[in-house]
Amino acid sequence: MRLLIACDMEGITGVTRWEHCEPDHAEYQRFRKRMTKDVNAVIRGLTRFLWRTGITADKIC
């Protein structure tokens, strides 16, 4: 099994306006870090799920 996680900044925790996704916005770096934390949480959840169910994945990157 292979898993693909695709993410964009719109809709992550705390982003409420399109301007937050623009690199020149004052809070862009904060939201980049938040997006990384959100994606890492998904990876942790998937890893736990796969481990508990015995499903194997080729790679989790």
Protein backbone atom coordinates (compact mmCIF):
# COMPACT_ATOMS: atom_id res chain seq x y z
CA MET A 1 0.00 0.00 0.00
CA ARG A 2 1.19 3.50 -0.76
CA LEU A 3 -0.11 6.64 0.86
CA LEU A 4 -0.08 10.14 -0.56
CA ILE A 5 -0.70 13.11 1.67
CA ALA A 6 -1.32 16.33 -0.23
CA CYS A 7 -1.70 19.54 1.71
CA ASP A 8 -2.18 23.19 0.98
CA MET A 9 -2.36 26.02 3.43
CA GLU A 10 -6.02 26.92 2.94
CA GLY A 11 -8.08 25.29 5.63
CA ILE A 12 -5.33 24.37 8.09
CA THR A 13 -5.67 25.26 11.75
CA GLY A 14 -6.05 29.02 12.19
CA VAL A 15 -6.05 30.11 8.54
CA THR A 16 -9.21 32.13 8.04
CA ARG A 17 -8.29 34.45 5.18
CA TRP A 18 -6.60 33.94 1.84
CA GLU A 19 -4.04 36.60 2.75
CA HIS A 20 -2.63 34.27 5.42
CA CYS A 21 -1.34 32.04 2.59
CA GLU A 22 0.69 34.74 0.89
CA PRO A 23 4.43 34.69 1.62
CA ASP A 24 4.57 38.44 2.31
CA HIS A 25 1.84 38.27 5.00
CA ALA A 26 3.08 39.01 8.52
CA GLU A 27 1.83 35.66 9.88
CA TYR A 28 2.85 33.45 6.94
CA GLN A 29 5.75 31.82 8.79
CA ARG A 30 3.52 31.03 11.77
CA PHE A 31 0.99 29.35 9.50
CA ARG A 32 3.73 27.39 7.70
CA LYS A 33 4.76 25.96 11.06
CA ARG A 34 1.11 25.23 11.91
CA MET A 35 0.66 23.40 8.60
CA THR A 36 3.73 21.27 9.34
CA LYS A 37 2.28 20.36 12.74
CA ASP A 38 -1.09 19.49 11.17
CA VAL A 39 0.51 17.23 8.55
CA ASN A 40 2.72 15.58 11.17
CA ALA A 41 -0.39 14.86 13.25
CA VAL A 42 -1.96 13.14 10.22
CA ILE A 43 1.17 11.05 9.73
CA ARG A 44 1.20 10.03 13.41
CA GLY A 45 -2.46 9.07 13.22
CA LEU A 46 -1.97 7.03 10.05
CA THR A 47 1.07 5.30 11.51
CA ARG A 48 -0.87 4.30 14.62
CA PHE A 49 -3.83 3.13 12.54
CA LEU A 50 -1.64 1.03 10.25
CA TRP A 51 0.21 -0.47 13.21
CA ARG A 52 -3.02 -1.38 15.04
CA THR A 53 -4.67 -2.90 11.98
CA GLY A 54 -1.61 -4.73 10.71
CA ILE A 55 -1.78 -3.02 7.32
CA THR A 56 1.63 -2.37 5.84
CA ALA A 57 2.65 0.62 3.79
CA ASP A 58 5.64 0.78 1.45
CA LYS A 59 6.74 4.19 2.68
CA ILE A 60 5.53 6.87 5.02
CA CYS A 61 7.45 10.06 4.25
